[in-house]
């Protein structure tokens, strides 16, 4: 998927997209409170997540005082460097939703460059996975947007979000989109939940995404009639895990179809990791999703995998609105369904344990701060993903430093001690230090 030699996307192409959107943020401040521009405030927070250096701004202030310039100005095109406290105070009043259009701008760049075309898989659709994840928890710190749990007479507070991402059975990368936060909704007495957040996300993003050709993928939580109907209404397709215990009526129809000879079965040997395993497929079409007159008809498919010793190593079933008219289509659909795990491994797990520290409390605030900082962190992750795909120098460095923590360690050290003229200067310096030939 290397595109460094052909793409027009660069570090500053991406950075400019961020700055263009920040310029549209409403700014109701007045008087002395406007000394630092809102653009500098947002870019300062973003720079911390991009470098994954909580002390980045403090180091750059010291560099500015000692040398008259800093990497905040040269790399991130900031005018001044606000304090951590000022950034948190200001961003606490900026809803995360204001940042979502930046993801849309970057998605537009991916469309323009044809980057997502390599991710097409099931029926030539893009596979977009929805998954909820918790990123903050505390028994003391909380804000008005926190969700709560009661246990043993104690109240705990947490933040969670749906983190949509494009994945593919054929590639390890995941392209993150803007999150949808699970939090108390205005006028509601009930706590929010992942399913309701998914409906809001679908309503917000459906019109934008449906022209791309999308198959939404998710766990059993989404395999219910209202959500599936909403997906179809937005002119998208769906592929959701379907468990027997939560879909008893559907599985009764699967049994009926099997007895009437309308359930198809076949086996074949396929690779499972580094080993060849035996895959057994069962599929049938037009089974009702629930026990009611207006039930949505869906297509059902199941796969069971045994290793060479006969041990069962995997079993799962899915529902979809994609037709399954051949064994080849069945295999394609199952591969897409099994790719759902990538949102945990390549997206959420990377954000939490591979350098981005999503679960770390960078600042909580009273209003929007926790969600806004989490959104900027996810944006930094997407920024790095695109650079790894489109910047040849960055690609070569990441190939040499495959662990993200090693890469971020080097970025932190270099930007602490040296002021670089621009992004290209930093990349060339790292290449030279690693004794790598500059690909140009």
Protein backbone atom coordinates (compact mmCIF):
# COMPACT_ATOMS: atom_id res chain seq x y z
CA UNK A 1 0.00 0.00 0.00
CA UNK A 2 2.98 2.33 -0.18
CA UNK A 3 1.98 5.56 -1.89
CA UNK A 4 4.81 7.87 -0.87
CA UNK A 5 6.06 8.26 -4.43
CA UNK A 6 2.68 9.12 -5.96
CA UNK A 7 0.50 10.82 -3.34
CA UNK A 8 0.24 14.57 -2.90
CA UNK A 9 -0.48 14.13 0.81
CA UNK A 10 2.27 15.47 3.06
CA UNK A 11 2.65 16.46 6.70
CA UNK A 12 1.72 20.04 5.91
CA UNK A 13 -1.18 19.05 3.66
CA UNK A 14 -2.68 17.30 6.67
CA UNK A 15 -1.73 20.05 9.09
CA UNK A 16 -3.35 22.69 6.89
CA UNK A 17 -6.61 20.73 6.85
CA UNK A 18 -6.63 20.87 10.64
CA UNK A 19 -5.85 24.59 10.72
CA UNK A 20 -8.54 25.35 8.11
CA UNK A 21 -11.20 23.82 10.32
CA UNK A 22 -9.91 25.40 13.53
CA UNK A 23 -10.25 28.79 11.84
CA UNK A 24 -14.01 28.14 11.68
CA UNK A 25 -14.35 27.44 15.41
CA UNK A 26 -16.60 30.01 17.14
CA UNK A 27 -14.62 32.17 19.56
CA UNK A 28 -16.74 34.06 22.11
CA UNK A 29 -13.81 35.33 24.16
CA UNK A 30 -13.08 39.01 24.61
CA UNK A 31 -10.56 41.30 26.31
CA UNK A 32 -7.37 39.90 27.84
CA UNK A 33 -8.61 36.35 27.41
CA UNK A 34 -7.88 36.53 23.66
CA UNK A 35 -4.09 36.87 23.93
CA UNK A 36 -3.62 33.32 22.64
CA UNK A 37 -5.50 32.48 19.47
CA UNK A 38 -7.88 29.54 19.51
CA UNK A 39 -5.83 28.09 16.67
CA UNK A 40 -2.68 28.09 18.82
CA UNK A 41 -4.60 26.56 21.72
CA UNK A 42 -5.94 23.65 19.65
CA UNK A 43 -2.66 23.13 17.80
CA UNK A 44 -0.75 23.13 21.11
CA UNK A 45 -2.96 20.31 22.41
CA UNK A 46 -2.68 18.43 19.11
CA UNK A 47 1.14 18.73 19.17
CA UNK A 48 1.25 16.97 22.55
CA UNK A 49 -0.72 14.02 21.16
CA UNK A 50 1.19 13.97 17.88
CA UNK A 51 4.55 13.77 19.66
CA UNK A 52 3.05 11.77 22.55
CA UNK A 53 5.08 13.98 24.87
CA UNK A 54 3.11 15.38 27.84
CA UNK A 55 6.01 17.79 28.49
CA UNK A 56 6.37 18.88 24.87
CA UNK A 57 5.05 22.41 25.40
CA UNK A 58 7.19 22.99 28.52
CA UNK A 59 10.32 21.94 26.61
CA UNK A 60 9.40 24.16 23.67
CA UNK A 61 8.86 27.17 25.94
CA UNK A 62 12.34 26.67 27.36
CA UNK A 63 13.76 26.34 23.83
CA UNK A 64 11.98 29.50 22.75
CA UNK A 65 13.39 31.46 25.67
CA UNK A 66 16.91 30.15 25.10
CA UNK A 67 17.08 30.26 21.30
CA UNK A 68 14.26 32.50 20.12
CA UNK A 69 12.51 29.70 18.23
CA UNK A 70 10.89 26.34 18.97
CA UNK A 71 9.40 23.32 17.27
CA UNK A 72 5.93 24.66 18.08
CA UNK A 73 6.56 27.44 15.55
CA UNK A 74 8.65 25.57 13.00
CA UNK A 75 6.87 22.20 12.94
CA UNK A 76 3.31 23.04 13.97
CA UNK A 77 3.16 26.64 12.67
CA UNK A 78 2.00 28.10 15.96
CA UNK A 79 2.49 31.77 16.80
CA UNK A 80 2.70 31.50 20.59
CA UNK A 81 2.79 28.71 23.18
CA UNK A 82 -0.07 28.74 25.70
CA UNK A 83 0.30 27.05 29.10
CA UNK A 84 -1.18 23.62 29.84
CA UNK A 85 -3.62 25.20 32.28
CA UNK A 86 -4.82 27.76 29.75
CA UNK A 87 -5.25 25.08 27.08
CA UNK A 88 -7.38 22.95 29.40
CA UNK A 89 -9.48 25.90 30.52
CA UNK A 90 -10.18 26.94 26.94
CA UNK A 91 -10.77 23.46 25.49
CA UNK A 92 -13.18 22.61 28.30
CA UNK A 93 -15.60 24.92 26.47
CA UNK A 94 -14.97 23.43 23.00
CA UNK A 95 -17.25 20.43 22.26
CA UNK A 96 -15.53 17.49 20.61
CA UNK A 97 -18.10 17.80 17.80
CA UNK A 98 -16.24 20.88 16.58
CA UNK A 99 -13.28 18.64 15.71
CA UNK A 100 -15.28 15.99 13.83
CA UNK A 101 -15.24 17.93 10.50
CA UNK A 102 -11.43 17.62 10.49
CA UNK A 103 -11.83 13.85 10.14
CA UNK A 104 -14.16 14.53 7.22
CA UNK A 105 -11.53 16.72 5.54
CA UNK A 106 -8.91 13.98 5.93
CA UNK A 107 -11.43 11.44 4.60
CA UNK A 108 -11.84 13.70 1.57
CA UNK A 109 -8.07 13.58 1.02
CA UNK A 110 -8.15 9.78 1.22
CA UNK A 111 -10.93 9.71 -1.38
CA UNK A 112 -9.06 12.13 -3.62
CA UNK A 113 -5.90 10.02 -3.52
CA UNK A 114 -7.72 6.70 -3.91
CA UNK A 115 -6.24 5.47 -0.62
CA UNK A 116 -9.41 3.71 0.49
CA UNK A 117 -9.73 1.78 -2.78
CA UNK A 118 -7.15 -0.73 -1.52
CA UNK A 119 -9.44 -1.41 1.46
CA UNK A 120 -12.43 -2.53 -0.64
CA UNK A 121 -13.36 -6.11 0.05
CA UNK A 122 -16.89 -7.46 0.57
CA UNK A 123 -18.83 -6.94 -2.69
CA UNK A 124 -16.37 -4.10 -3.42
CA UNK A 125 -17.59 -2.22 -0.34
CA UNK A 126 -15.49 -0.52 2.32
CA UNK A 127 -15.69 -2.35 5.63
CA UNK A 128 -16.40 0.09 8.47
CA UNK A 129 -16.39 -1.39 11.96
CA UNK A 130 -18.24 0.08 14.94
CA UNK A 131 -17.07 -0.76 18.44
CA UNK A 132 -17.51 0.79 21.86
CA UNK A 133 -14.57 1.27 24.20
CA UNK A 134 -14.08 2.82 27.64
CA UNK A 135 -11.18 5.26 27.89
CA UNK A 136 -11.52 6.77 31.36
CA UNK A 137 -12.60 5.53 34.77
CA UNK A 138 -12.43 6.94 38.30
CA UNK A 139 -14.23 6.85 41.63
CA UNK A 140 -13.43 10.51 42.30
CA UNK A 141 -12.84 12.54 39.14
CA UNK A 142 -15.95 13.22 37.09
CA UNK A 143 -17.76 15.77 34.94
CA UNK A 144 -21.33 16.29 33.80
CA UNK A 145 -20.75 14.05 30.77
CA UNK A 146 -19.50 11.06 32.76
CA UNK A 147 -21.50 7.85 32.79
CA UNK A 148 -21.90 6.17 36.19
CA UNK A 149 -21.96 2.70 37.72
CA UNK A 150 -23.21 1.72 41.14
CA UNK A 151 -21.55 -1.19 42.95
CA UNK A 152 -21.48 -2.07 46.64
CA UNK A 153 -22.91 1.34 47.48
CA UNK A 154 -20.15 3.18 45.61
CA UNK A 155 -20.46 5.29 42.48
CA UNK A 156 -17.78 5.11 39.80
CA UNK A 157 -17.50 7.39 36.79
CA UNK A 158 -16.33 6.64 33.26
CA UNK A 159 -16.17 7.86 29.69
CA UNK A 160 -16.76 5.63 26.67
CA UNK A 161 -17.08 6.13 22.94
CA UNK A 162 -17.76 4.34 19.70
CA UNK A 163 -14.57 4.44 17.66
CA UNK A 164 -15.44 3.76 13.99
CA UNK A 165 -12.61 2.63 11.74
CA UNK A 166 -12.11 1.34 8.21
CA UNK A 167 -10.49 -2.10 8.20
CA UNK A 168 -9.81 -4.79 5.63
CA UNK A 169 -9.13 -8.55 5.81
CA UNK A 170 -6.10 -7.90 3.61
CA UNK A 171 -4.31 -5.14 5.57
CA UNK A 172 -3.23 -4.57 9.14
CA UNK A 173 -3.88 -0.84 9.24
CA UNK A 174 -7.07 0.79 10.44
CA UNK A 175 -8.23 4.27 9.42
CA UNK A 176 -9.98 5.95 12.34
CA UNK A 177 -12.97 8.23 11.91
CA UNK A 178 -14.32 10.71 14.42
CA UNK A 179 -15.74 9.03 17.56
CA UNK A 180 -19.28 9.12 18.87
CA UNK A 181 -19.30 9.61 22.63
CA UNK A 182 -21.55 7.64 24.96
CA UNK A 183 -22.79 10.23 27.42
CA UNK A 184 -25.93 11.62 28.97
CA UNK A 185 -28.15 13.28 26.38
CA UNK A 186 -29.92 16.57 27.05
CA UNK A 187 -33.46 16.04 28.26
CA UNK A 188 -32.98 12.33 28.97
CA UNK A 189 -33.16 10.77 32.43
CA UNK A 190 -31.73 7.45 31.22
CA UNK A 191 -28.05 6.79 30.86
CA UNK A 192 -26.75 6.63 27.31
CA UNK A 193 -25.65 3.34 25.78
CA UNK A 194 -23.56 2.10 22.87
CA UNK A 195 -26.58 1.19 20.77
CA UNK A 196 -28.09 4.69 21.04
CA UNK A 197 -24.70 6.25 20.35
CA UNK A 198 -24.48 4.05 17.26
CA UNK A 199 -27.82 5.38 16.04
CA UNK A 200 -26.66 8.97 16.53
CA UNK A 201 -23.43 8.24 14.67
CA UNK A 202 -25.37 6.65 11.82
CA UNK A 203 -27.68 9.65 11.56
CA UNK A 204 -24.71 12.04 11.60
CA UNK A 205 -22.49 10.18 9.13
CA UNK A 206 -24.86 8.19 6.92
CA UNK A 207 -25.31 10.77 4.18
CA UNK A 208 -21.56 11.47 4.04
CA UNK A 209 -20.45 7.84 3.92
CA UNK A 210 -23.11 5.99 1.92
CA UNK A 211 -21.86 7.20 -1.52
CA UNK A 212 -18.53 5.48 -0.77
CA UNK A 213 -20.14 2.03 -0.69
CA UNK A 214 -20.11 0.94 2.95
CA UNK A 215 -20.69 -2.29 4.82
CA UNK A 216 -21.04 -1.65 8.55
CA UNK A 217 -19.62 -4.37 10.73
CA UNK A 218 -20.15 -4.84 14.46
CA UNK A 219 -20.90 -7.27 17.26
CA UNK A 220 -24.21 -8.80 18.29
CA UNK A 221 -25.26 -5.54 19.97
CA UNK A 222 -26.02 -4.04 16.55
CA UNK A 223 -27.82 -7.10 15.14
CA UNK A 224 -31.30 -5.83 15.95
CA UNK A 225 -34.09 -4.75 13.63
CA UNK A 226 -34.20 -0.98 14.36
CA UNK A 227 -30.47 -0.57 13.80
CA UNK A 228 -30.36 -2.79 10.70
CA UNK A 229 -33.31 -0.90 9.22
CA UNK A 230 -31.56 2.40 9.95
CA UNK A 231 -28.45 1.14 8.13
CA UNK A 232 -30.47 0.17 5.06
CA UNK A 233 -32.31 3.49 5.16
CA UNK A 234 -28.95 5.25 4.95
CA UNK A 235 -28.21 3.13 1.84
CA UNK A 236 -25.46 1.13 3.49
CA UNK A 237 -25.04 -2.60 4.02
CA UNK A 238 -24.54 -4.47 7.28
CA UNK A 239 -22.62 -7.49 8.56
CA UNK A 240 -23.17 -8.12 12.27
CA UNK A 241 -22.34 -10.95 14.64
CA UNK A 242 -25.50 -12.95 15.43
CA UNK A 243 -25.53 -15.06 18.61
CA UNK A 244 -28.06 -17.87 19.17
CA UNK A 245 -28.95 -16.75 22.70
CA UNK A 246 -30.07 -13.29 21.54
CA UNK A 247 -31.73 -14.40 18.28
CA UNK A 248 -33.69 -17.54 19.18
CA UNK A 249 -36.43 -16.91 16.61
CA UNK A 250 -33.93 -16.47 13.78
CA UNK A 251 -32.15 -19.71 14.71
CA UNK A 252 -35.45 -21.58 14.71
CA UNK A 253 -35.83 -20.51 11.07
CA UNK A 254 -32.25 -21.60 10.35
CA UNK A 255 -33.20 -25.05 11.67
CA UNK A 256 -36.37 -25.07 9.51
CA UNK A 257 -34.38 -24.13 6.41
CA UNK A 258 -31.91 -26.90 7.16
CA UNK A 259 -34.69 -29.49 7.40
CA UNK A 260 -36.18 -28.23 4.13
CA UNK A 261 -32.86 -28.43 2.29
CA UNK A 262 -32.43 -24.64 2.01
CA UNK A 263 -29.28 -24.45 4.12
CA UNK A 264 -26.02 -24.82 2.21
CA UNK A 265 -22.89 -26.40 3.70
CA UNK A 266 -19.35 -26.87 2.47
CA UNK A 267 -15.81 -27.31 3.78
CA UNK A 268 -12.38 -26.29 2.61
CA UNK A 269 -8.81 -25.93 3.86
CA UNK A 270 -7.66 -22.37 4.49
CA UNK A 271 -4.87 -20.55 6.23
CA UNK A 272 -5.56 -19.58 9.85
CA UNK A 273 -2.60 -17.56 11.03
CA UNK A 274 0.42 -19.59 9.93
CA UNK A 275 -1.42 -22.92 9.80
CA UNK A 276 -3.83 -24.63 7.44
CA UNK A 277 -7.16 -25.35 9.09
CA UNK A 278 -10.46 -26.92 8.16
CA UNK A 279 -13.24 -24.35 7.63
CA UNK A 280 -16.86 -25.48 7.69
CA UNK A 281 -19.44 -23.03 6.30
CA UNK A 282 -23.23 -23.02 6.66
CA UNK A 283 -25.44 -20.35 5.13
CA UNK A 284 -29.05 -19.63 4.24
CA UNK A 285 -31.03 -16.66 3.00
CA UNK A 286 -34.20 -14.76 3.89
CA UNK A 287 -34.68 -15.65 7.54
CA UNK A 288 -36.69 -13.24 9.77
CA UNK A 289 -34.62 -11.24 12.23
CA UNK A 290 -37.32 -11.28 14.90
CA UNK A 291 -40.73 -12.74 15.73
CA UNK A 292 -43.09 -10.13 14.36
CA UNK A 293 -45.15 -9.50 11.25
CA UNK A 294 -42.90 -6.77 9.85
CA UNK A 295 -39.67 -8.65 10.56
CA UNK A 296 -36.68 -7.79 8.42
CA UNK A 297 -35.43 -10.69 6.31
CA UNK A 298 -31.68 -11.21 6.58
CA UNK A 299 -29.13 -13.69 5.30
CA UNK A 300 -27.30 -15.86 7.83
CA UNK A 301 -23.87 -17.45 7.67
CA UNK A 302 -21.81 -19.46 10.13
CA UNK A 303 -18.22 -20.65 10.11
CA UNK A 304 -16.50 -23.20 12.33
CA UNK A 305 -12.73 -23.71 12.21
CA UNK A 306 -10.73 -26.78 13.34
CA UNK A 307 -6.95 -27.04 13.43
CA UNK A 308 -4.95 -30.02 12.17
CA UNK A 309 -5.48 -31.89 15.46
CA UNK A 310 -9.25 -31.56 15.21
CA UNK A 311 -9.50 -28.93 17.93
CA UNK A 312 -12.13 -26.23 17.33
CA UNK A 313 -10.35 -22.88 17.30
CA UNK A 314 -13.08 -20.53 16.10
CA UNK A 315 -16.82 -20.38 15.61
CA UNK A 316 -19.04 -17.43 14.78
CA UNK A 317 -22.16 -16.50 12.85
CA UNK A 318 -23.24 -13.33 11.10
CA UNK A 319 -26.30 -11.72 9.58
CA UNK A 320 -26.10 -9.51 6.51
CA UNK A 321 -28.22 -7.95 3.81
CA UNK A 322 -25.63 -8.98 1.23
CA UNK A 323 -26.87 -11.88 -0.89
CA UNK A 324 -25.02 -15.19 -0.51
CA UNK A 325 -25.51 -16.96 -3.81
CA UNK A 326 -22.31 -19.01 -3.99
CA UNK A 327 -19.66 -20.63 -1.82
CA UNK A 328 -17.18 -18.02 -3.02
CA UNK A 329 -19.42 -15.21 -1.75
CA UNK A 330 -19.81 -17.04 1.55
CA UNK A 331 -16.03 -17.15 2.04
CA UNK A 332 -15.71 -13.46 1.15
CA UNK A 333 -18.41 -12.44 3.62
CA UNK A 334 -16.94 -14.50 6.45
CA UNK A 335 -13.46 -13.04 5.85
CA UNK A 336 -14.96 -9.58 6.17
CA UNK A 337 -16.85 -10.55 9.34
CA UNK A 338 -13.72 -12.01 10.92
CA UNK A 339 -11.86 -8.77 10.17
CA UNK A 340 -13.98 -7.13 12.86
CA UNK A 341 -11.31 -8.00 15.44
CA UNK A 342 -8.97 -5.52 13.76
CA UNK A 343 -10.77 -2.58 15.36
CA UNK A 344 -9.64 -3.94 18.72
CA UNK A 345 -6.11 -4.87 17.71
CA UNK A 346 -5.22 -2.21 15.12
CA UNK A 347 -7.34 0.66 16.46
CA UNK A 348 -8.48 0.57 20.11
CA UNK A 349 -5.58 -1.50 21.43
CA UNK A 350 -3.08 0.68 19.55
CA UNK A 351 -4.66 3.81 21.01
CA UNK A 352 -4.52 2.39 24.54
CA UNK A 353 -1.26 0.43 24.70
CA UNK A 354 0.94 1.24 21.70
CA UNK A 355 1.99 4.81 22.35
CA UNK A 356 -1.14 6.99 22.39
CA UNK A 357 -2.19 6.29 26.01
CA UNK A 358 -5.87 6.91 25.30
CA UNK A 359 -6.81 5.79 28.82
CA UNK A 360 -4.45 8.29 30.46
CA UNK A 361 -6.19 11.28 32.06
CA UNK A 362 -4.62 14.17 30.15
CA UNK A 363 -7.23 16.48 31.69
CA UNK A 364 -10.86 16.01 32.66
CA UNK A 365 -12.51 19.40 33.10
CA UNK A 366 -16.12 20.11 33.98
CA UNK A 367 -17.70 20.23 30.51
CA UNK A 368 -16.11 18.95 27.29
CA UNK A 369 -12.39 18.61 28.01
CA UNK A 370 -12.13 14.83 28.40
CA UNK A 371 -13.98 14.15 25.14
CA UNK A 372 -12.19 16.91 23.22
CA UNK A 373 -8.72 15.70 24.24
CA UNK A 374 -9.65 12.09 23.39
CA UNK A 375 -10.80 13.26 19.94
CA UNK A 376 -7.51 15.10 19.34
CA UNK A 377 -5.62 11.96 20.38
CA UNK A 378 -7.55 9.84 17.86
CA UNK A 379 -6.94 12.53 15.24
CA UNK A 380 -3.20 12.31 15.92
CA UNK A 381 -3.42 8.53 15.41
CA UNK A 382 -5.10 9.02 12.01
CA UNK A 383 -2.49 11.65 11.15
CA UNK A 384 0.32 9.15 11.83
CA UNK A 385 -1.49 6.40 9.90
CA UNK A 386 -1.70 8.60 6.81
CA UNK A 387 1.94 9.66 7.10
CA UNK A 388 3.00 6.02 7.34
CA UNK A 389 1.14 5.40 4.11
CA UNK A 390 2.02 8.56 2.19
CA UNK A 391 5.36 9.93 3.44
CA UNK A 392 8.22 7.81 2.10
CA UNK A 393 10.73 9.08 4.65
CA UNK A 394 8.29 8.38 7.48
CA UNK A 395 7.63 4.89 6.05
CA UNK A 396 11.33 4.03 6.06
CA UNK A 397 11.81 5.26 9.62
CA UNK A 398 8.79 3.30 10.88
CA UNK A 399 10.05 0.18 9.11
CA UNK A 400 13.32 0.59 10.99
CA UNK A 401 11.57 1.49 14.27
CA UNK A 402 8.51 -0.77 14.03
CA UNK A 403 7.54 -0.33 17.68
CA UNK A 404 5.62 2.89 18.17
CA UNK A 405 7.11 3.49 21.61
CA UNK A 406 10.62 3.47 20.09
CA UNK A 407 9.52 5.92 17.40
CA UNK A 408 7.91 8.27 19.91
CA UNK A 409 10.95 8.04 22.21
CA UNK A 410 13.12 9.33 19.37
CA UNK A 411 10.65 12.09 18.45
CA UNK A 412 10.48 13.23 22.07
CA UNK A 413 14.26 13.28 22.49
CA UNK A 414 15.00 15.05 19.22
CA UNK A 415 12.37 17.75 19.61
CA UNK A 416 13.48 18.34 23.20
CA UNK A 417 17.09 19.15 22.27
CA UNK A 418 16.91 20.45 18.70
CA UNK A 419 14.78 22.95 16.83
CA UNK A 420 14.04 21.74 13.31
CA UNK A 421 13.37 24.03 10.37
CA UNK A 422 10.36 21.97 9.29
CA UNK A 423 9.01 18.41 9.12
CA UNK A 424 11.35 17.48 6.26
CA UNK A 425 14.36 18.55 8.35
CA UNK A 426 13.24 16.31 11.22
CA UNK A 427 12.71 13.31 8.94
CA UNK A 428 16.11 13.76 7.25
CA UNK A 429 17.81 14.03 10.63
CA UNK A 430 16.23 10.78 11.79
CA UNK A 431 17.21 9.03 8.56
CA UNK A 432 20.79 10.18 8.96
CA UNK A 433 20.88 9.06 12.59
CA UNK A 434 19.58 5.65 11.60
CA UNK A 435 22.10 5.51 8.70
CA UNK A 436 19.33 5.15 6.15
CA UNK A 437 19.47 6.45 2.61
CA UNK A 438 17.10 9.34 2.00
CA UNK A 439 14.42 8.12 -0.46
CA UNK A 440 13.78 11.73 -1.51
